[in-house]
C-alpha atoms as a PDB file:
ATOM      1  CA  MET A   1     118.995  83.601   8.051  1.00  0.00           C
ATOM      2  CA  THR A   2     115.381  84.709   8.356  1.00  0.00           C
ATOM      3  CA  GLY A   3     114.274  81.089   8.768  1.00  0.00           C
ATOM      4  CA  GLY A   4     116.167  80.842  12.061  1.00  0.00           C
ATOM      5  CA  LEU A   5     114.674  84.066  13.351  1.00  0.00           C
ATOM      6  CA  HIS A   6     111.203  82.988  12.341  1.00  0.00           C
ATOM      7  CA  GLN A   7     111.691  79.658  14.126  1.00  0.00           C
ATOM      8  CA  ALA A   8     112.655  81.451  17.346  1.00  0.00           C
ATOM      9  CA  LYS A   9     109.272  83.205  17.425  1.00  0.00           C
ATOM     10  CA  HIS A  10     107.329  79.950  17.968  1.00  0.00           C
ATOM     11  CA  PRO A  11     106.739  79.094  21.637  1.00  0.00           C
ATOM     12  CA  VAL A  12     107.775  75.684  22.886  1.00  0.00           C
ATOM     13  CA  SER A  13     104.531  75.282  24.800  1.00  0.00           C
ATOM     14  CA  ALA A  14     101.415  77.344  24.233  1.00  0.00           C
ATOM     15  CA  VAL A  15     100.449  76.954  27.902  1.00  0.00           C
ATOM     16  CA  LEU A  16     103.745  78.238  29.296  1.00  0.00           C
ATOM     17  CA  ALA A  17     104.311  80.989  26.754  1.00  0.00           C
ATOM     18  CA  GLY A  18     102.443  84.196  26.272  1.00  0.00           C
ATOM     19  CA  PRO A  19     102.312  86.446  23.238  1.00  0.00           C
ATOM     20  CA  TYR A  20     105.240  86.093  20.849  1.00  0.00           C
ATOM     21  CA  GLY A  21     106.605  83.177  22.835  1.00  0.00           C
ATOM     22  CA  HIS A  22     107.544  85.194  25.929  1.00  0.00           C
ATOM     23  CA  PRO A  23     107.221  83.115  29.111  1.00  0.00           C
ATOM     24  CA  PHE A  24     104.612  83.907  31.776  1.00  0.00           C
ATOM     25  CA  GLN A  25     106.863  82.921  34.683  1.00  0.00           C
ATOM     26  CA  PRO A  26     108.639  86.298  35.103  1.00  0.00           C
ATOM     27  CA  PHE A  27     105.251  87.982  35.437  1.00  0.00           C
ATOM     28  CA  VAL A  28     103.742  85.393  37.776  1.00  0.00           C
ATOM     29  CA  VAL A  29     106.768  85.310  40.091  1.00  0.00           C
ATOM     30  CA  THR A  30     106.195  88.962  41.069  1.00  0.00           C
ATOM     31  CA  VAL A  31     103.131  87.987  43.127  1.00  0.00           C
ATOM     32  CA  PRO A  32     104.914  85.905  45.799  1.00  0.00           C
ATOM     33  CA  VAL A  33     108.009  88.101  45.756  1.00  0.00           C
ATOM     34  CA  GLY A  34     105.943  91.233  46.331  1.00  0.00           C
ATOM     35  CA  ALA A  35     103.721  89.628  48.958  1.00  0.00           C
ATOM     36  CA  TRP A  36     106.611  88.137  50.893  1.00  0.00           C
ATOM     37  CA  ALA A  37     108.645  91.352  50.678  1.00  0.00           C
ATOM     38  CA  ALA A  38     105.734  93.397  52.030  1.00  0.00           C
ATOM     39  CA  SER A  39     104.970  90.988  54.876  1.00  0.00           C
ATOM     40  CA  PRO A  40     107.986  91.908  57.069  1.00  0.00           C
ATOM     41  CA  VAL A  41     107.281  95.589  56.408  1.00  0.00           C
ATOM     42  CA  PHE A  42     103.810  95.064  57.878  1.00  0.00           C
ATOM     43  CA  ASP A  43     105.330  93.171  60.831  1.00  0.00           C
ATOM     44  CA  ILE A  44     107.794  95.974  61.555  1.00  0.00           C
ATOM     45  CA  ALA A  45     105.118  98.641  61.135  1.00  0.00           C
ATOM     46  CA  SER A  46     102.879  96.801  63.622  1.00  0.00           C
ATOM     47  CA  ARG A  47     105.432  97.573  66.344  1.00  0.00           C
ATOM     48  CA  PHE A  48     104.934 101.313  65.917  1.00  0.00           C
ATOM     49  CA  VAL A  49     101.141 101.725  65.874  1.00  0.00           C
ATOM     50  CA  SER A  50      98.705 101.666  68.760  1.00  0.00           C
ATOM     51  CA  GLY A  51      96.345  99.058  67.243  1.00  0.00           C
ATOM     52  CA  PRO A  52      98.600  96.572  65.394  1.00  0.00           C
ATOM     53  CA  GLY A  53      95.929  93.953  64.707  1.00  0.00           C
ATOM     54  CA  PHE A  54      95.181  95.058  61.161  1.00  0.00           C
ATOM     55  CA  LEU A  55      98.873  95.011  60.219  1.00  0.00           C
ATOM     56  CA  ALA A  56      99.390  91.556  61.744  1.00  0.00           C
ATOM     57  CA  ARG A  57      96.363  90.236  59.812  1.00  0.00           C
ATOM     58  CA  GLY A  58      97.665  91.922  56.672  1.00  0.00           C
ATOM     59  CA  SER A  59     101.051  90.298  57.107  1.00  0.00           C
ATOM     60  CA  SER A  60      99.465  86.869  57.528  1.00  0.00           C
ATOM     61  CA  ARG A  61      97.310  87.405  54.457  1.00  0.00           C
ATOM     62  CA  LEU A  62     100.306  88.467  52.397  1.00  0.00           C
ATOM     63  CA  ILE A  63     102.090  85.249  53.341  1.00  0.00           C
ATOM     64  CA  ALA A  64      98.942  83.318  52.452  1.00  0.00           C
ATOM     65  CA  ILE A  65      98.788  85.066  49.061  1.00  0.00           C
ATOM     66  CA  GLY A  66     102.448  84.277  48.409  1.00  0.00           C
ATOM     67  CA  VAL A  67     102.108  80.522  48.860  1.00  0.00           C
ATOM     68  CA  PRO A  68      99.695  79.857  45.955  1.00  0.00           C
ATOM     69  CA  GLY A  69     101.493  82.550  43.975  1.00  0.00           C
ATOM     70  CA  ALA A  70     104.760  80.658  44.370  1.00  0.00           C
ATOM     71  CA  SER A  71     103.019  77.430  43.410  1.00  0.00           C
ATOM     72  CA  ALA A  72     101.663  79.071  40.258  1.00  0.00           C
ATOM     73  CA  ALA A  73     105.101  80.448  39.429  1.00  0.00           C
ATOM     74  CA  ALA A  74     106.627  76.995  39.879  1.00  0.00           C
ATOM     75  CA  MET A  75     104.017  75.418  37.614  1.00  0.00           C
ATOM     76  CA  VAL A  76     104.614  77.851  34.758  1.00  0.00           C
ATOM     77  CA  ASN A  77     108.396  77.726  35.085  1.00  0.00           C
ATOM     78  CA  GLY A  78     109.605  76.866  31.623  1.00  0.00           C
ATOM     79  CA  GLY A  79     112.725  75.245  33.009  1.00  0.00           C
END
């Protein structure tokens, strides 16, 4: 019985798994999700301020951050 539990502790791939065999993908996926969720908030907020340029730039930068973040999340997806 303990042999099966001990076997489960070994990661399939050292690159895709963090400490104790836990995958990195759930942590990495928060970057694009957070960036893309904040981007429309910035767009909506830009409608209500007198100088919306900084919010529009921020929204564009959040989208730009999300793209490589999504690529990184796809690469570490353990399948």
